[in-house]
Amino acid sequence: MAIYALGELTPDIHPDAYVHPDATVIGAVTIGARASIWPAAVHIALGVPARSRPAPDLAKWVDEAVGLYQDMAARYNTGLRRIG
């Protein structure tokens, strides 16, 4: 993972957070316990702190996200299928 200070602004990443090796974190970003930062994500805080934390009900959030992707796949006439 790429972690950058921006002047005096430095990220604060909780030891129990997961930041994917392909993610980028820049500036005054706070990533809380059990938060998950996915591949290719870029979190930037340029003076106003930004915070990432886990969804209150992760299972519900994942179900909603999958439903959203399935709707998009149908709209663009492509298939979304679970492989794992």
C-alpha atoms as a PDB file:
ATOM      1  CA  MET A   1       0.000   0.000   0.000  1.00  0.00           C
ATOM      2  CA  ALA A   2       1.143   3.536  -0.690  1.00  0.00           C
ATOM      3  CA  ILE A   3       0.896   5.866   2.317  1.00  0.00           C
ATOM      4  CA  TYR A   4       1.885   9.514   1.931  1.00  0.00           C
ATOM      5  CA  ALA A   5       2.161  12.507   4.246  1.00  0.00           C
ATOM      6  CA  LEU A   6       0.962  15.785   2.761  1.00  0.00           C
ATOM      7  CA  GLY A   7       3.083  18.408   4.461  1.00  0.00           C
ATOM      8  CA  GLU A   8       2.330  17.922   8.154  1.00  0.00           C
ATOM      9  CA  LEU A   9      -0.860  15.934   7.437  1.00  0.00           C
ATOM     10  CA  THR A  10      -0.271  12.228   7.994  1.00  0.00           C
ATOM     11  CA  PRO A  11      -2.616   9.230   7.837  1.00  0.00           C
ATOM     12  CA  ASP A  12      -3.739   7.485  11.021  1.00  0.00           C
ATOM     13  CA  ILE A  13      -4.445   3.801  10.298  1.00  0.00           C
ATOM     14  CA  HIS A  14      -5.731   1.565  13.094  1.00  0.00           C
ATOM     15  CA  PRO A  15      -3.801  -1.733  13.438  1.00  0.00           C
ATOM     16  CA  ASP A  16      -7.078  -3.681  13.043  1.00  0.00           C
ATOM     17  CA  ALA A  17      -7.943  -1.953   9.740  1.00  0.00           C
ATOM     18  CA  TYR A  18      -7.291  -3.630   6.408  1.00  0.00           C
ATOM     19  CA  VAL A  19      -5.772  -1.541   3.624  1.00  0.00           C
ATOM     20  CA  HIS A  20      -5.214  -3.476   0.402  1.00  0.00           C
ATOM     21  CA  PRO A  21      -1.629  -3.328  -0.930  1.00  0.00           C
ATOM     22  CA  ASP A  22      -2.912  -1.639  -4.127  1.00  0.00           C
ATOM     23  CA  ALA A  23      -4.718   1.156  -2.232  1.00  0.00           C
ATOM     24  CA  THR A  24      -3.348   4.682  -1.684  1.00  0.00           C
ATOM     25  CA  VAL A  25      -3.790   6.785   1.475  1.00  0.00           C
ATOM     26  CA  ILE A  26      -2.761  10.461   1.460  1.00  0.00           C
ATOM     27  CA  GLY A  27      -2.892  13.211   4.100  1.00  0.00           C
ATOM     28  CA  ALA A  28      -5.090  13.532   7.203  1.00  0.00           C
ATOM     29  CA  VAL A  29      -7.025  10.303   6.651  1.00  0.00           C
ATOM     30  CA  THR A  30      -8.171   8.290   9.682  1.00  0.00           C
ATOM     31  CA  ILE A  31      -8.948   4.628   9.046  1.00  0.00           C
ATOM     32  CA  GLY A  32     -10.688   3.044  12.022  1.00  0.00           C
ATOM     33  CA  ALA A  33     -10.672  -0.471  13.442  1.00  0.00           C
ATOM     34  CA  ARG A  34     -12.225  -3.134  11.184  1.00  0.00           C
ATOM     35  CA  ALA A  35     -12.423  -0.701   8.252  1.00  0.00           C
ATOM     36  CA  SER A  36     -11.650  -2.161   4.845  1.00  0.00           C
ATOM     37  CA  ILE A  37      -9.978  -0.212   2.041  1.00  0.00           C
ATOM     38  CA  TRP A  38     -10.231  -2.073  -1.271  1.00  0.00           C
ATOM     39  CA  PRO A  39      -7.842  -2.412  -4.240  1.00  0.00           C
ATOM     40  CA  ALA A  40      -7.254   0.742  -6.307  1.00  0.00           C
ATOM     41  CA  ALA A  41      -9.025   2.911  -3.697  1.00  0.00           C
ATOM     42  CA  VAL A  42      -7.509   6.344  -3.108  1.00  0.00           C
ATOM     43  CA  HIS A  43      -8.286   8.096   0.192  1.00  0.00           C
ATOM     44  CA  ILE A  44      -7.145  11.724   0.299  1.00  0.00           C
ATOM     45  CA  ALA A  45      -7.667  14.358   2.989  1.00  0.00           C
ATOM     46  CA  LEU A  46      -6.351  17.813   2.072  1.00  0.00           C
ATOM     47  CA  GLY A  47      -6.801  19.659   5.346  1.00  0.00           C
ATOM     48  CA  VAL A  48     -10.244  18.487   6.411  1.00  0.00           C
ATOM     49  CA  PRO A  49      -9.913  15.075   8.096  1.00  0.00           C
ATOM     50  CA  ALA A  50     -11.494  12.123   6.307  1.00  0.00           C
ATOM     51  CA  ARG A  51     -12.551   9.039   8.252  1.00  0.00           C
ATOM     52  CA  SER A  52     -13.207   5.485   7.095  1.00  0.00           C
ATOM     53  CA  ARG A  53     -14.982   3.055   9.368  1.00  0.00           C
ATOM     54  CA  PRO A  54     -16.817  -0.232   8.939  1.00  0.00           C
ATOM     55  CA  ALA A  55     -20.462  -0.359   7.952  1.00  0.00           C
ATOM     56  CA  PRO A  56     -22.749  -0.986  10.964  1.00  0.00           C
ATOM     57  CA  ASP A  57     -24.053  -4.176   9.357  1.00  0.00           C
ATOM     58  CA  LEU A  58     -21.435  -5.396   6.910  1.00  0.00           C
ATOM     59  CA  ALA A  59     -23.484  -8.388   5.701  1.00  0.00           C
ATOM     60  CA  LYS A  60     -26.420  -6.126   4.811  1.00  0.00           C
ATOM     61  CA  TRP A  61     -24.113  -3.653   3.059  1.00  0.00           C
ATOM     62  CA  VAL A  62     -22.514  -6.435   0.985  1.00  0.00           C
ATOM     63  CA  ASP A  63     -25.960  -7.765  -0.011  1.00  0.00           C
ATOM     64  CA  GLU A  64     -27.027  -4.267  -1.099  1.00  0.00           C
ATOM     65  CA  ALA A  65     -23.777  -3.713  -3.027  1.00  0.00           C
ATOM     66  CA  VAL A  66     -24.122  -7.042  -4.854  1.00  0.00           C
ATOM     67  CA  GLY A  67     -27.720  -6.158  -5.749  1.00  0.00           C
ATOM     68  CA  LEU A  68     -26.562  -2.807  -7.099  1.00  0.00           C
ATOM     69  CA  TYR A  69     -23.869  -4.466  -9.236  1.00  0.00           C
ATOM     70  CA  GLN A  70     -26.386  -7.012 -10.534  1.00  0.00           C
ATOM     71  CA  ASP A  71     -28.701  -4.149 -11.563  1.00  0.00           C
ATOM     72  CA  MET A  72     -25.797  -2.447 -13.362  1.00  0.00           C
ATOM     73  CA  ALA A  73     -24.820  -5.700 -15.090  1.00  0.00           C
ATOM     74  CA  ALA A  74     -28.388  -6.161 -16.330  1.00  0.00           C
ATOM     75  CA  ARG A  75     -28.549  -2.565 -17.546  1.00  0.00           C
ATOM     76  CA  TYR A  76     -25.294  -2.918 -19.506  1.00  0.00           C
ATOM     77  CA  ASN A  77     -26.186  -6.393 -20.785  1.00  0.00           C
ATOM     78  CA  THR A  78     -23.273  -8.136 -19.099  1.00  0.00           C
ATOM     79  CA  GLY A  79     -23.099 -10.874 -16.507  1.00  0.00           C
ATOM     80  CA  LEU A  80     -22.071 -10.607 -12.875  1.00  0.00           C
ATOM     81  CA  ARG A  81     -21.431 -13.970 -11.348  1.00  0.00           C
ATOM     82  CA  ARG A  82     -19.987 -14.984  -8.037  1.00  0.00           C
ATOM     83  CA  ILE A  83     -16.793 -17.006  -8.431  1.00  0.00           C
ATOM     84  CA  GLY A  84     -15.669 -17.371  -4.827  1.00  0.00           C
END
